[in-house]
Amino acid sequence: MNTKKSEMPVVERELWVENRLGIHARPAMKITNLALQFESDLVLEKDNVAVNARDLLAILTLDCPQGTRLVLRATGSDASEAALAVCQLFARKFGET
C-alpha cells in the first residue's frame, strides 16, 4: 500500500524549554537522536521558523533559551509515539536542571 504523506497522521504539540541552559548542543543532539528513531517526519517550529528535528545545526539556529515556546509537528505512521517521546524528553529537561 502506497500512502501519501498528506494522508499520514499529523500530531502537533506545544513544547516549552524548561532547562536552565536552554537548547544547546547536548539537548539538540538528544532531540536529533530521538527523531532518528522514528519513521515520521518531525519538525520543530519557533516564531514561524520550522526546522527538521533530525538536523542538529538547524535546531541550534532556532536559538531556544529557557522559557522558549516551540511547536512540534510529527507526520507519519508513528507520529503519536514520536510526539510523545519528544514531549517526554522536554519534560525531563533533557536530563539537565
PDB file of N, CA and C in Angstrom:
ATOM      1  N   MET A   1       0.833  -1.183   0.000  1.00  0.00           N
ATOM      2  CA  MET A   1       0.000   0.000   0.000  1.00  0.00           C
ATOM      3  C   MET A   1       0.877   1.245   0.000  1.00  0.00           C
ATOM      4  N   ASN A   2       0.672   2.135  -0.925  1.00  0.00           N
ATOM      5  CA  ASN A   2       1.450   3.360  -1.042  1.00  0.00           C
ATOM      6  C   ASN A   2       0.620   4.524  -0.504  1.00  0.00           C
ATOM      7  N   THR A   3       0.952   4.980   0.703  1.00  0.00           N
ATOM      8  CA  THR A   3       0.202   6.058   1.338  1.00  0.00           C
ATOM      9  C   THR A   3       0.957   7.362   1.170  1.00  0.00           C
ATOM     10  N   LYS A   4       0.278   8.383   0.694  1.00  0.00           N
ATOM     11  CA  LYS A   4       0.890   9.695   0.524  1.00  0.00           C
ATOM     12  C   LYS A   4       1.098  10.352   1.879  1.00  0.00           C
ATOM     13  N   LYS A   5       2.127  11.206   1.967  1.00  0.00           N
ATOM     14  CA  LYS A   5       2.395  11.934   3.209  1.00  0.00           C
ATOM     15  C   LYS A   5       1.191  12.766   3.644  1.00  0.00           C
ATOM     16  N   SER A   6       0.456  13.329   2.692  1.00  0.00           N
ATOM     17  CA  SER A   6      -0.686  14.176   3.036  1.00  0.00           C
ATOM     18  C   SER A   6      -1.796  13.384   3.725  1.00  0.00           C
ATOM     19  N   GLU A   7      -1.788  12.067   3.560  1.00  0.00           N
ATOM     20  CA  GLU A   7      -2.795  11.222   4.186  1.00  0.00           C
ATOM     21  C   GLU A   7      -2.321  10.652   5.520  1.00  0.00           C
ATOM     22  N   MET A   8      -1.073  10.927   5.866  1.00  0.00           N
ATOM     23  CA  MET A   8      -0.499  10.408   7.101  1.00  0.00           C
ATOM     24  C   MET A   8      -1.020  11.191   8.304  1.00  0.00           C
ATOM     25  N   PRO A   9      -1.068  10.530   9.454  1.00  0.00           N
ATOM     26  CA  PRO A   9      -1.484  11.227  10.673  1.00  0.00           C
ATOM     27  C   PRO A   9      -0.522  12.371  11.014  1.00  0.00           C
ATOM     28  N   VAL A  10      -1.076  13.467  11.499  1.00  0.00           N
ATOM     29  CA  VAL A  10      -0.270  14.606  11.935  1.00  0.00           C
ATOM     30  C   VAL A  10      -0.598  14.877  13.396  1.00  0.00           C
ATOM     31  N   VAL A  11       0.444  14.986  14.207  1.00  0.00           N
ATOM     32  CA  VAL A  11       0.281  15.281  15.630  1.00  0.00           C
ATOM     33  C   VAL A  11       1.041  16.570  15.912  1.00  0.00           C
ATOM     34  N   GLU A  12       0.374  17.508  16.572  1.00  0.00           N
ATOM     35  CA  GLU A  12       1.010  18.781  16.898  1.00  0.00           C
ATOM     36  C   GLU A  12       0.973  18.978  18.407  1.00  0.00           C
ATOM     37  N   ARG A  13       2.102  19.378  18.973  1.00  0.00           N
ATOM     38  CA  ARG A  13       2.212  19.595  20.414  1.00  0.00           C
ATOM     39  C   ARG A  13       2.967  20.895  20.690  1.00  0.00           C
ATOM     40  N   GLU A  14       2.589  21.539  21.779  1.00  0.00           N
ATOM     41  CA  GLU A  14       3.303  22.726  22.242  1.00  0.00           C
ATOM     42  C   GLU A  14       4.352  22.266  23.248  1.00  0.00           C
ATOM     43  N   LEU A  15       5.569  22.768  23.090  1.00  0.00           N
ATOM     44  CA  LEU A  15       6.671  22.411  23.981  1.00  0.00           C
ATOM     45  C   LEU A  15       7.248  23.677  24.597  1.00  0.00           C
ATOM     46  N   TRP A  16       7.732  23.554  25.811  1.00  0.00           N
ATOM     47  CA  TRP A  16       8.406  24.667  26.487  1.00  0.00           C
ATOM     48  C   TRP A  16       9.790  24.206  26.904  1.00  0.00           C
ATOM     49  N   VAL A  17      10.784  25.030  26.645  1.00  0.00           N
ATOM     50  CA  VAL A  17      12.157  24.727  27.046  1.00  0.00           C
ATOM     51  C   VAL A  17      12.285  25.137  28.509  1.00  0.00           C
ATOM     52  N   GLU A  18      12.438  24.155  29.380  1.00  0.00           N
ATOM     53  CA  GLU A  18      12.451  24.431  30.814  1.00  0.00           C
ATOM     54  C   GLU A  18      13.832  24.317  31.462  1.00  0.00           C
ATOM     55  N   ASN A  19      14.761  23.639  30.789  1.00  0.00           N
ATOM     56  CA  ASN A  19      16.078  23.505  31.413  1.00  0.00           C
ATOM     57  C   ASN A  19      16.802  24.847  31.405  1.00  0.00           C
ATOM     58  N   ARG A  20      17.627  25.055  32.411  1.00  0.00           N
ATOM     59  CA  ARG A  20      18.244  26.357  32.679  1.00  0.00           C
ATOM     60  C   ARG A  20      19.067  26.881  31.510  1.00  0.00           C
ATOM     61  N   LEU A  21      19.796  26.018  30.815  1.00  0.00           N
ATOM     62  CA  LEU A  21      20.680  26.462  29.736  1.00  0.00           C
ATOM     63  C   LEU A  21      20.010  26.480  28.363  1.00  0.00           C
ATOM     64  N   GLY A  22      18.741  26.116  28.297  1.00  0.00           N
ATOM     65  CA  GLY A  22      18.051  26.109  27.011  1.00  0.00           C
ATOM     66  C   GLY A  22      18.536  24.977  26.120  1.00  0.00           C
ATOM     67  N   ILE A  23      18.249  25.114  24.832  1.00  0.00           N
ATOM     68  CA  ILE A  23      18.680  24.078  23.886  1.00  0.00           C
ATOM     69  C   ILE A  23      20.037  24.471  23.327  1.00  0.00           C
ATOM     70  N   HIS A  24      21.049  23.804  23.855  1.00  0.00           N
ATOM     71  CA  HIS A  24      22.418  23.963  23.366  1.00  0.00           C
ATOM     72  C   HIS A  24      22.780  22.647  22.681  1.00  0.00           C
ATOM     73  N   ALA A  25      24.040  22.405  22.434  1.00  0.00           N
ATOM     74  CA  ALA A  25      24.452  21.248  21.628  1.00  0.00           C
ATOM     75  C   ALA A  25      23.977  19.904  22.190  1.00  0.00           C
ATOM     76  N   ARG A  26      24.099  19.699  23.485  1.00  0.00           N
ATOM     77  CA  ARG A  26      23.739  18.390  24.067  1.00  0.00           C
ATOM     78  C   ARG A  26      22.234  18.099  23.940  1.00  0.00           C
ATOM     79  N   PRO A  27      21.346  19.012  24.345  1.00  0.00           N
ATOM     80  CA  PRO A  27      19.920  18.752  24.141  1.00  0.00           C
ATOM     81  C   PRO A  27      19.555  18.622  22.654  1.00  0.00           C
ATOM     82  N   ALA A  28      20.176  19.430  21.806  1.00  0.00           N
ATOM     83  CA  ALA A  28      19.896  19.337  20.369  1.00  0.00           C
ATOM     84  C   ALA A  28      20.264  17.949  19.849  1.00  0.00           C
ATOM     85  N   MET A  29      21.386  17.407  20.317  1.00  0.00           N
ATOM     86  CA  MET A  29      21.805  16.061  19.911  1.00  0.00           C
ATOM     87  C   MET A  29      20.798  15.022  20.410  1.00  0.00           C
ATOM     88  N   LYS A  30      20.282  15.197  21.618  1.00  0.00           N
ATOM     89  CA  LYS A  30      19.282  14.262  22.145  1.00  0.00           C
ATOM     90  C   LYS A  30      18.002  14.302  21.311  1.00  0.00           C
ATOM     91  N   ILE A  31      17.594  15.488  20.906  1.00  0.00           N
ATOM     92  CA  ILE A  31      16.404  15.621  20.056  1.00  0.00           C
ATOM     93  C   ILE A  31      16.652  14.921  18.722  1.00  0.00           C
ATOM     94  N   THR A  32      17.806  15.191  18.120  1.00  0.00           N
ATOM     95  CA  THR A  32      18.152  14.605  16.825  1.00  0.00           C
ATOM     96  C   THR A  32      18.202  13.090  16.903  1.00  0.00           C
ATOM     97  N   ASN A  33      18.895  12.566  17.900  1.00  0.00           N
ATOM     98  CA  ASN A  33      19.000  11.110  18.048  1.00  0.00           C
ATOM     99  C   ASN A  33      17.628  10.473  18.251  1.00  0.00           C
ATOM    100  N   LEU A  34      16.782  11.118  19.008  1.00  0.00           N
ATOM    101  CA  LEU A  34      15.430  10.606  19.230  1.00  0.00           C
ATOM    102  C   LEU A  34      14.626  10.638  17.933  1.00  0.00           C
ATOM    103  N   ALA A  35      14.710  11.736  17.202  1.00  0.00           N
ATOM    104  CA  ALA A  35      13.969  11.873  15.944  1.00  0.00           C
ATOM    105  C   ALA A  35      14.375  10.792  14.940  1.00  0.00           C
ATOM    106  N   LEU A  36      15.638  10.408  14.953  1.00  0.00           N
ATOM    107  CA  LEU A  36      16.132   9.389  14.026  1.00  0.00           C
ATOM    108  C   LEU A  36      15.571   7.998  14.327  1.00  0.00           C
ATOM    109  N   GLN A  37      15.015   7.802  15.508  1.00  0.00           N
ATOM    110  CA  GLN A  37      14.460   6.504  15.890  1.00  0.00           C
ATOM    111  C   GLN A  37      13.061   6.272  15.318  1.00  0.00           C
ATOM    112  N   PHE A  38      12.466   7.301  14.734  1.00  0.00           N
ATOM    113  CA  PHE A  38      11.097   7.195  14.244  1.00  0.00           C
ATOM    114  C   PHE A  38      11.038   7.376  12.734  1.00  0.00           C
ATOM    115  N   GLU A  39      10.031   6.789  12.149  1.00  0.00           N
ATOM    116  CA  GLU A  39       9.796   6.890  10.712  1.00  0.00           C
ATOM    117  C   GLU A  39       9.182   8.244  10.347  1.00  0.00           C
ATOM    118  N   SER A  40       8.401   8.790  11.245  1.00  0.00           N
ATOM    119  CA  SER A  40       7.692  10.050  10.990  1.00  0.00           C
ATOM    120  C   SER A  40       8.646  11.218  10.802  1.00  0.00           C
ATOM    121  N   ASP A  41       8.181  12.208  10.048  1.00  0.00           N
ATOM    122  CA  ASP A  41       8.903  13.471   9.931  1.00  0.00           C
ATOM    123  C   ASP A  41       8.589  14.289  11.171  1.00  0.00           C
ATOM    124  N   LEU A  42       9.617  14.843  11.785  1.00  0.00           N
ATOM    125  CA  LEU A  42       9.450  15.670  12.982  1.00  0.00           C
ATOM    126  C   LEU A  42       9.990  17.061  12.688  1.00  0.00           C
ATOM    127  N   VAL A  43       9.156  18.050  12.943  1.00  0.00           N
ATOM    128  CA  VAL A  43       9.524  19.447  12.694  1.00  0.00           C
ATOM    129  C   VAL A  43       9.336  20.230  13.978  1.00  0.00           C
ATOM    130  N   LEU A  44      10.324  21.053  14.297  1.00  0.00           N
ATOM    131  CA  LEU A  44      10.218  21.986  15.418  1.00  0.00           C
ATOM    132  C   LEU A  44      10.051  23.384  14.837  1.00  0.00           C
ATOM    133  N   GLU A  45       9.128  24.146  15.410  1.00  0.00           N
ATOM    134  CA  GLU A  45       8.859  25.489  14.896  1.00  0.00           C
ATOM    135  C   GLU A  45       8.911  26.512  16.020  1.00  0.00           C
ATOM    136  N   LYS A  46       9.591  27.613  15.735  1.00  0.00           N
ATOM    137  CA  LYS A  46       9.656  28.743  16.677  1.00  0.00           C
ATOM    138  C   LYS A  46       9.488  30.025  15.872  1.00  0.00           C
ATOM    139  N   ASP A  47       8.551  30.843  16.255  1.00  0.00           N
ATOM    140  CA  ASP A  47       8.334  32.140  15.586  1.00  0.00           C
ATOM    141  C   ASP A  47       8.226  31.984  14.067  1.00  0.00           C
ATOM    142  N   ASN A  48       7.437  31.010  13.627  1.00  0.00           N
ATOM    143  CA  ASN A  48       7.191  30.740  12.200  1.00  0.00           C
ATOM    144  C   ASN A  48       8.418  30.261  11.430  1.00  0.00           C
ATOM    145  N   VAL A  49       9.461  29.831  12.139  1.00  0.00           N
ATOM    146  CA  VAL A  49      10.630  29.215  11.505  1.00  0.00           C
ATOM    147  C   VAL A  49      10.593  27.742  11.862  1.00  0.00           C
ATOM    148  N   ALA A  50      10.504  26.890  10.840  1.00  0.00           N
ATOM    149  CA  ALA A  50      10.394  25.448  11.051  1.00  0.00           C
ATOM    150  C   ALA A  50      11.677  24.759  10.612  1.00  0.00           C
ATOM    151  N   VAL A  51      12.143  23.812  11.439  1.00  0.00           N
ATOM    152  CA  VAL A  51      13.348  23.046  11.110  1.00  0.00           C
ATOM    153  C   VAL A  51      13.094  21.558  11.318  1.00  0.00           C
ATOM    154  N   ASN A  52      13.854  20.765  10.595  1.00  0.00           N
ATOM    155  CA  ASN A  52      13.800  19.320  10.720  1.00  0.00           C
ATOM    156  C   ASN A  52      14.445  18.916  12.046  1.00  0.00           C
ATOM    157  N   ALA A  53      13.755  18.122  12.846  1.00  0.00           N
ATOM    158  CA  ALA A  53      14.282  17.714  14.150  1.00  0.00           C
ATOM    159  C   ALA A  53      15.442  16.731  14.019  1.00  0.00           C
ATOM    160  N   ARG A  54      15.712  16.256  12.814  1.00  0.00           N
ATOM    161  CA  ARG A  54      16.861  15.374  12.583  1.00  0.00           C
ATOM    162  C   ARG A  54      18.131  16.167  12.261  1.00  0.00           C
ATOM    163  N   ASP A  55      18.021  17.484  12.191  1.00  0.00           N
ATOM    164  CA  ASP A  55      19.131  18.349  11.801  1.00  0.00           C
ATOM    165  C   ASP A  55      19.611  19.153  13.004  1.00  0.00           C
ATOM    166  N   LEU A  56      20.695  18.693  13.605  1.00  0.00           N
ATOM    167  CA  LEU A  56      21.220  19.299  14.827  1.00  0.00           C
ATOM    168  C   LEU A  56      21.524  20.788  14.643  1.00  0.00           C
ATOM    169  N   LEU A  57      22.212  21.145  13.583  1.00  0.00           N
ATOM    170  CA  LEU A  57      22.560  22.550  13.374  1.00  0.00           C
ATOM    171  C   LEU A  57      21.325  23.415  13.166  1.00  0.00           C
ATOM    172  N   ALA A  58      20.337  22.884  12.479  1.00  0.00           N
ATOM    173  CA  ALA A  58      19.101  23.646  12.270  1.00  0.00           C
ATOM    174  C   ALA A  58      18.400  23.912  13.596  1.00  0.00           C
ATOM    175  N   ILE A  59      18.400  22.918  14.482  1.00  0.00           N
ATOM    176  CA  ILE A  59      17.792  23.103  15.807  1.00  0.00           C
ATOM    177  C   ILE A  59      18.512  24.224  16.559  1.00  0.00           C
ATOM    178  N   LEU A  60      19.834  24.219  16.493  1.00  0.00           N
ATOM    179  CA  LEU A  60      20.609  25.241  17.194  1.00  0.00           C
ATOM    180  C   LEU A  60      20.329  26.638  16.649  1.00  0.00           C
ATOM    181  N   THR A  61      20.027  26.752  15.358  1.00  0.00           N
ATOM    182  CA  THR A  61      19.761  28.074  14.781  1.00  0.00           C
ATOM    183  C   THR A  61      18.460  28.686  15.296  1.00  0.00           C
ATOM    184  N   LEU A  62      17.593  27.872  15.898  1.00  0.00           N
ATOM    185  CA  LEU A  62      16.343  28.409  16.443  1.00  0.00           C
ATOM    186  C   LEU A  62      16.586  29.297  17.661  1.00  0.00           C
ATOM    187  N   ASP A  63      17.745  29.148  18.309  1.00  0.00           N
ATOM    188  CA  ASP A  63      18.092  29.949  19.477  1.00  0.00           C
ATOM    189  C   ASP A  63      16.994  29.853  20.533  1.00  0.00           C
ATOM    190  N   CYS A  64      17.062  28.793  21.345  1.00  0.00           N
ATOM    191  CA  CYS A  64      15.999  28.495  22.311  1.00  0.00           C
ATOM    192  C   CYS A  64      16.507  28.520  23.742  1.00  0.00           C
ATOM    193  N   PRO A  65      16.537  29.687  24.368  1.00  0.00           N
ATOM    194  CA  PRO A  65      16.885  29.746  25.786  1.00  0.00           C
ATOM    195  C   PRO A  65      15.729  29.227  26.641  1.00  0.00           C
ATOM    196  N   GLN A  66      15.974  29.134  27.921  1.00  0.00           N
ATOM    197  CA  GLN A  66      14.923  28.712  28.860  1.00  0.00           C
ATOM    198  C   GLN A  66      13.704  29.607  28.690  1.00  0.00           C
ATOM    199  N   GLY A  67      12.527  28.975  28.677  1.00  0.00           N
ATOM    200  CA  GLY A  67      11.279  29.716  28.533  1.00  0.00           C
ATOM    201  C   GLY A  67      10.760  29.808  27.104  1.00  0.00           C
ATOM    202  N   THR A  68      11.520  29.295  26.155  1.00  0.00           N
ATOM    203  CA  THR A  68      11.106  29.337  24.747  1.00  0.00           C
ATOM    204  C   THR A  68       9.936  28.397  24.500  1.00  0.00           C
ATOM    205  N   ARG A  69       8.989  28.871  23.698  1.00  0.00           N
ATOM    206  CA  ARG A  69       7.854  28.048  23.272  1.00  0.00           C
ATOM    207  C   ARG A  69       8.138  27.534  21.874  1.00  0.00           C
ATOM    208  N   LEU A  70       7.972  26.221  21.690  1.00  0.00           N
ATOM    209  CA  LEU A  70       8.140  25.586  20.387  1.00  0.00           C
ATOM    210  C   LEU A  70       6.876  24.821  20.036  1.00  0.00           C
ATOM    211  N   VAL A  71       6.674  24.594  18.760  1.00  0.00           N
ATOM    212  CA  VAL A  71       5.610  23.716  18.302  1.00  0.00           C
ATOM    213  C   VAL A  71       6.278  22.524  17.638  1.00  0.00           C
ATOM    214  N   LEU A  72       5.888  21.342  18.050  1.00  0.00           N
ATOM    215  CA  LEU A  72       6.366  20.099  17.445  1.00  0.00           C
ATOM    216  C   LEU A  72       5.283  19.595  16.512  1.00  0.00           C
ATOM    217  N   ARG A  73       5.668  19.263  15.296  1.00  0.00           N
ATOM    218  CA  ARG A  73       4.728  18.686  14.339  1.00  0.00           C
ATOM    219  C   ARG A  73       5.309  17.359  13.856  1.00  0.00           C
ATOM    220  N   ALA A  74       4.602  16.268  14.143  1.00  0.00           N
ATOM    221  CA  ALA A  74       5.020  14.935  13.721  1.00  0.00           C
ATOM    222  C   ALA A  74       4.047  14.447  12.654  1.00  0.00           C
ATOM    223  N   THR A  75       4.599  13.976  11.541  1.00  0.00           N
ATOM    224  CA  THR A  75       3.777  13.497  10.436  1.00  0.00           C
ATOM    225  C   THR A  75       4.275  12.125  10.007  1.00  0.00           C
ATOM    226  N   GLY A  76       3.405  11.123  10.089  1.00  0.00           N
ATOM    227  CA  GLY A  76       3.788   9.788   9.655  1.00  0.00           C
ATOM    228  C   GLY A  76       3.078   8.714  10.438  1.00  0.00           C
ATOM    229  N   SER A  77       3.418   7.493  10.120  1.00  0.00           N
ATOM    230  CA  SER A  77       2.713   6.343  10.691  1.00  0.00           C
ATOM    231  C   SER A  77       2.893   6.221  12.199  1.00  0.00           C
ATOM    232  N   ASP A  78       4.038   6.664  12.730  1.00  0.00           N
ATOM    233  CA  ASP A  78       4.278   6.575  14.175  1.00  0.00           C
ATOM    234  C   ASP A  78       4.320   7.968  14.813  1.00  0.00           C
ATOM    235  N   ALA A  79       3.544   8.892  14.253  1.00  0.00           N
ATOM    236  CA  ALA A  79       3.554  10.285  14.715  1.00  0.00           C
ATOM    237  C   ALA A  79       3.198  10.420  16.196  1.00  0.00           C
ATOM    238  N   SER A  80       2.201   9.678  16.658  1.00  0.00           N
ATOM    239  CA  SER A  80       1.795   9.783  18.067  1.00  0.00           C
ATOM    240  C   SER A  80       2.914   9.356  18.997  1.00  0.00           C
ATOM    241  N   GLU A  81       3.556   8.237  18.675  1.00  0.00           N
ATOM    242  CA  GLU A  81       4.658   7.735  19.510  1.00  0.00           C
ATOM    243  C   GLU A  81       5.838   8.696  19.484  1.00  0.00           C
ATOM    244  N   ALA A  82       6.146   9.224  18.302  1.00  0.00           N
ATOM    245  CA  ALA A  82       7.268  10.152  18.170  1.00  0.00           C
ATOM    246  C   ALA A  82       7.008  11.428  18.966  1.00  0.00           C
ATOM    247  N   ALA A  83       5.810  11.968  18.846  1.00  0.00           N
ATOM    248  CA  ALA A  83       5.467  13.197  19.573  1.00  0.00           C
ATOM    249  C   ALA A  83       5.538  12.973  21.074  1.00  0.00           C
ATOM    250  N   LEU A  84       5.030  11.836  21.529  1.00  0.00           N
ATOM    251  CA  LEU A  84       5.073  11.523  22.953  1.00  0.00           C
ATOM    252  C   LEU A  84       6.515  11.435  23.448  1.00  0.00           C
ATOM    253  N   ALA A  85       7.374  10.782  22.691  1.00  0.00           N
ATOM    254  CA  ALA A  85       8.780  10.631  23.091  1.00  0.00           C
ATOM    255  C   ALA A  85       9.474  11.989  23.185  1.00  0.00           C
ATOM    256  N   VAL A  86       9.225  12.867  22.225  1.00  0.00           N
ATOM    257  CA  VAL A  86       9.852  14.198  22.250  1.00  0.00           C
ATOM    258  C   VAL A  86       9.300  15.014  23.419  1.00  0.00           C
ATOM    259  N   CYS A  87       8.002  14.935  23.654  1.00  0.00           N
ATOM    260  CA  CYS A  87       7.400  15.641  24.793  1.00  0.00           C
ATOM    261  C   CYS A  87       8.011  15.175  26.111  1.00  0.00           C
ATOM    262  N   GLN A  88       8.224  13.890  26.243  1.00  0.00           N
ATOM    263  CA  GLN A  88       8.824  13.345  27.466  1.00  0.00           C
ATOM    264  C   GLN A  88      10.260  13.832  27.626  1.00  0.00           C
ATOM    265  N   LEU A  89      11.008  13.911  26.522  1.00  0.00           N
ATOM    266  CA  LEU A  89      12.381  14.409  26.578  1.00  0.00           C
ATOM    267  C   LEU A  89      12.403  15.854  27.084  1.00  0.00           C
ATOM    268  N   PHE A  90      11.502  16.687  26.579  1.00  0.00           N
ATOM    269  CA  PHE A  90      11.408  18.078  27.036  1.00  0.00           C
ATOM    270  C   PHE A  90      10.966  18.123  28.502  1.00  0.00           C
ATOM    271  N   ALA A  91      10.018  17.276  28.887  1.00  0.00           N
ATOM    272  CA  ALA A  91       9.531  17.256  30.274  1.00  0.00           C
ATOM    273  C   ALA A  91      10.643  16.864  31.253  1.00  0.00           C
ATOM    274  N   ARG A  92      11.551  16.012  30.809  1.00  0.00           N
ATOM    275  CA  ARG A  92      12.684  15.592  31.654  1.00  0.00           C
ATOM    276  C   ARG A  92      13.821  16.622  31.621  1.00  0.00           C
ATOM    277  N   LYS A  93      13.594  17.723  30.927  1.00  0.00           N
ATOM    278  CA  LYS A  93      14.580  18.797  30.788  1.00  0.00           C
ATOM    279  C   LYS A  93      15.900  18.271  30.232  1.00  0.00           C
ATOM    280  N   PHE A  94      15.809  17.285  29.332  1.00  0.00           N
ATOM    281  CA  PHE A  94      16.961  16.705  28.662  1.00  0.00           C
ATOM    282  C   PHE A  94      17.973  16.099  29.641  1.00  0.00           C
ATOM    283  N   GLY A  95      17.513  15.760  30.838  1.00  0.00           N
ATOM    284  CA  GLY A  95      18.401  15.208  31.859  1.00  0.00           C
ATOM    285  C   GLY A  95      19.227  16.283  32.557  1.00  0.00           C
ATOM    286  N   GLU A  96      18.892  17.539  32.323  1.00  0.00           N
ATOM    287  CA  GLU A  96      19.603  18.647  32.956  1.00  0.00           C
ATOM    288  C   GLU A  96      18.695  19.293  33.992  1.00  0.00           C
ATOM    289  N   THR A  97      19.131  20.427  34.543  1.00  0.00           N
ATOM    290  CA  THR A  97      18.305  21.139  35.534  1.00  0.00           C
ATOM    291  C   THR A  97      17.755  22.421  34.955  1.00  0.00           C
TER     292      THR A  97
END
